[in-house]
Amino acid sequence: MDISSYVIDGKFKVRVMPKAGRNEIKEENGKLKVFLKEAAEDGRANAALVKFFKKELGVAVEIKSGFTSREKVLRVV
């Protein structure tokens, strides 16, 4: 999936769905939704999110805001 249309000034928003049955990214209603197998405990889902973007899309990202929320702002590094 090409996420370049969502990136503005090096940042973009995602909605994270932890404890999903798969690791996958989808576009729904013009927004990115990321499904992760990891639970949102002890930062495991956040770590899985960063790893997912690097491995699956080849994009290094860091979380800028939303560390404890499902709605996150990521920055491309």
C-alpha atoms as a PDB file:
ATOM      1  CA  MET A   1       0.000   0.000   0.000  1.00  0.00           C
ATOM      2  CA  ASP A   2       1.239   3.495  -0.821  1.00  0.00           C
ATOM      3  CA  ILE A   3       0.744   5.856   2.114  1.00  0.00           C
ATOM      4  CA  SER A   4       2.311   8.919   0.478  1.00  0.00           C
ATOM      5  CA  SER A   5      -1.076  10.542  -0.141  1.00  0.00           C
ATOM      6  CA  TYR A   6      -1.701  10.533   3.637  1.00  0.00           C
ATOM      7  CA  VAL A   7       1.643  12.087   4.605  1.00  0.00           C
ATOM      8  CA  ILE A   8       1.541  15.845   5.200  1.00  0.00           C
ATOM      9  CA  ASP A   9       4.737  17.577   6.387  1.00  0.00           C
ATOM     10  CA  GLY A  10       6.204  14.164   7.174  1.00  0.00           C
ATOM     11  CA  LYS A  11       3.309  13.183   9.476  1.00  0.00           C
ATOM     12  CA  PHE A  12       0.160  11.117   9.105  1.00  0.00           C
ATOM     13  CA  LYS A  13      -2.640   9.748  11.274  1.00  0.00           C
ATOM     14  CA  VAL A  14      -3.625   6.125  11.847  1.00  0.00           C
ATOM     15  CA  ARG A  15      -6.196   4.298  13.922  1.00  0.00           C
ATOM     16  CA  VAL A  16      -4.745   1.221  15.588  1.00  0.00           C
ATOM     17  CA  MET A  17      -6.795  -1.896  16.267  1.00  0.00           C
ATOM     18  CA  PRO A  18      -4.820  -4.061  18.735  1.00  0.00           C
ATOM     19  CA  LYS A  19      -5.509  -7.745  19.431  1.00  0.00           C
ATOM     20  CA  ALA A  20      -6.660  -8.313  15.839  1.00  0.00           C
ATOM     21  CA  GLY A  21      -6.261 -11.678  14.196  1.00  0.00           C
ATOM     22  CA  ARG A  22      -3.768 -10.324  11.685  1.00  0.00           C
ATOM     23  CA  ASN A  23      -1.241  -7.577  10.982  1.00  0.00           C
ATOM     24  CA  GLU A  24      -2.716  -5.516   8.174  1.00  0.00           C
ATOM     25  CA  ILE A  25      -3.288  -1.950   7.000  1.00  0.00           C
ATOM     26  CA  LYS A  26      -6.504  -0.833   5.327  1.00  0.00           C
ATOM     27  CA  GLU A  27      -8.007   2.373   4.076  1.00  0.00           C
ATOM     28  CA  GLU A  28     -11.500   3.022   5.412  1.00  0.00           C
ATOM     29  CA  ASN A  29     -13.425   6.218   4.703  1.00  0.00           C
ATOM     30  CA  GLY A  30     -10.258   8.032   3.635  1.00  0.00           C
ATOM     31  CA  LYS A  31      -8.351   7.090   6.800  1.00  0.00           C
ATOM     32  CA  LEU A  32      -5.677   4.498   7.556  1.00  0.00           C
ATOM     33  CA  LYS A  33      -6.571   1.701   9.941  1.00  0.00           C
ATOM     34  CA  VAL A  34      -3.841  -0.650  11.169  1.00  0.00           C
ATOM     35  CA  PHE A  35      -4.751  -4.060  12.592  1.00  0.00           C
ATOM     36  CA  LEU A  36      -2.133  -5.572  14.908  1.00  0.00           C
ATOM     37  CA  LYS A  37      -1.946  -8.960  16.615  1.00  0.00           C
ATOM     38  CA  GLU A  38      -0.256  -7.497  19.702  1.00  0.00           C
ATOM     39  CA  ALA A  39      -2.241  -6.349  22.721  1.00  0.00           C
ATOM     40  CA  ALA A  40      -2.103  -2.756  23.917  1.00  0.00           C
ATOM     41  CA  GLU A  41      -0.222  -3.674  27.094  1.00  0.00           C
ATOM     42  CA  ASP A  42       3.166  -2.368  28.187  1.00  0.00           C
ATOM     43  CA  GLY A  43       3.700  -0.591  24.851  1.00  0.00           C
ATOM     44  CA  ARG A  44       3.711  -3.844  22.871  1.00  0.00           C
ATOM     45  CA  ALA A  45       1.182  -2.600  20.301  1.00  0.00           C
ATOM     46  CA  ASN A  46       3.168   0.623  19.801  1.00  0.00           C
ATOM     47  CA  ALA A  47       6.355  -1.358  19.189  1.00  0.00           C
ATOM     48  CA  ALA A  48       4.499  -3.678  16.819  1.00  0.00           C
ATOM     49  CA  LEU A  49       3.132  -0.657  14.930  1.00  0.00           C
ATOM     50  CA  VAL A  50       6.609   0.788  14.305  1.00  0.00           C
ATOM     51  CA  LYS A  51       7.942  -2.648  13.329  1.00  0.00           C
ATOM     52  CA  PHE A  52       4.966  -3.248  10.990  1.00  0.00           C
ATOM     53  CA  PHE A  53       5.594  -0.074   8.988  1.00  0.00           C
ATOM     54  CA  LYS A  54       9.314  -0.853   8.690  1.00  0.00           C
ATOM     55  CA  LYS A  55       8.890  -4.498   7.692  1.00  0.00           C
ATOM     56  CA  GLU A  56       5.745  -4.453   5.553  1.00  0.00           C
ATOM     57  CA  LEU A  57       5.948  -1.006   3.924  1.00  0.00           C
ATOM     58  CA  GLY A  58       9.648  -0.204   4.187  1.00  0.00           C
ATOM     59  CA  VAL A  59       8.920   3.059   5.977  1.00  0.00           C
ATOM     60  CA  ALA A  60      10.628   4.000   9.250  1.00  0.00           C
ATOM     61  CA  VAL A  61       8.208   5.835  11.544  1.00  0.00           C
ATOM     62  CA  GLU A  62       8.073   7.137  15.082  1.00  0.00           C
ATOM     63  CA  ILE A  63       5.017   7.860  17.192  1.00  0.00           C
ATOM     64  CA  LYS A  64       4.601  11.593  17.750  1.00  0.00           C
ATOM     65  CA  SER A  65       1.340  11.528  19.721  1.00  0.00           C
ATOM     66  CA  GLY A  66      -1.265   9.090  20.924  1.00  0.00           C
ATOM     67  CA  PHE A  67       0.956   6.706  22.875  1.00  0.00           C
ATOM     68  CA  THR A  68      -2.019   5.532  24.968  1.00  0.00           C
ATOM     69  CA  SER A  69      -4.721   6.111  22.361  1.00  0.00           C
ATOM     70  CA  ARG A  70      -5.889   4.179  19.324  1.00  0.00           C
ATOM     71  CA  GLU A  71      -5.645   7.403  17.303  1.00  0.00           C
ATOM     72  CA  LYS A  72      -1.966   8.102  16.645  1.00  0.00           C
ATOM     73  CA  VAL A  73       0.109  10.600  14.724  1.00  0.00           C
ATOM     74  CA  LEU A  74       3.193   9.060  13.140  1.00  0.00           C
ATOM     75  CA  ARG A  75       6.198  10.816  11.646  1.00  0.00           C
ATOM     76  CA  VAL A  76       8.274   9.396   8.831  1.00  0.00           C
ATOM     77  CA  VAL A  77      11.951   9.339   9.816  1.00  0.00           C
END
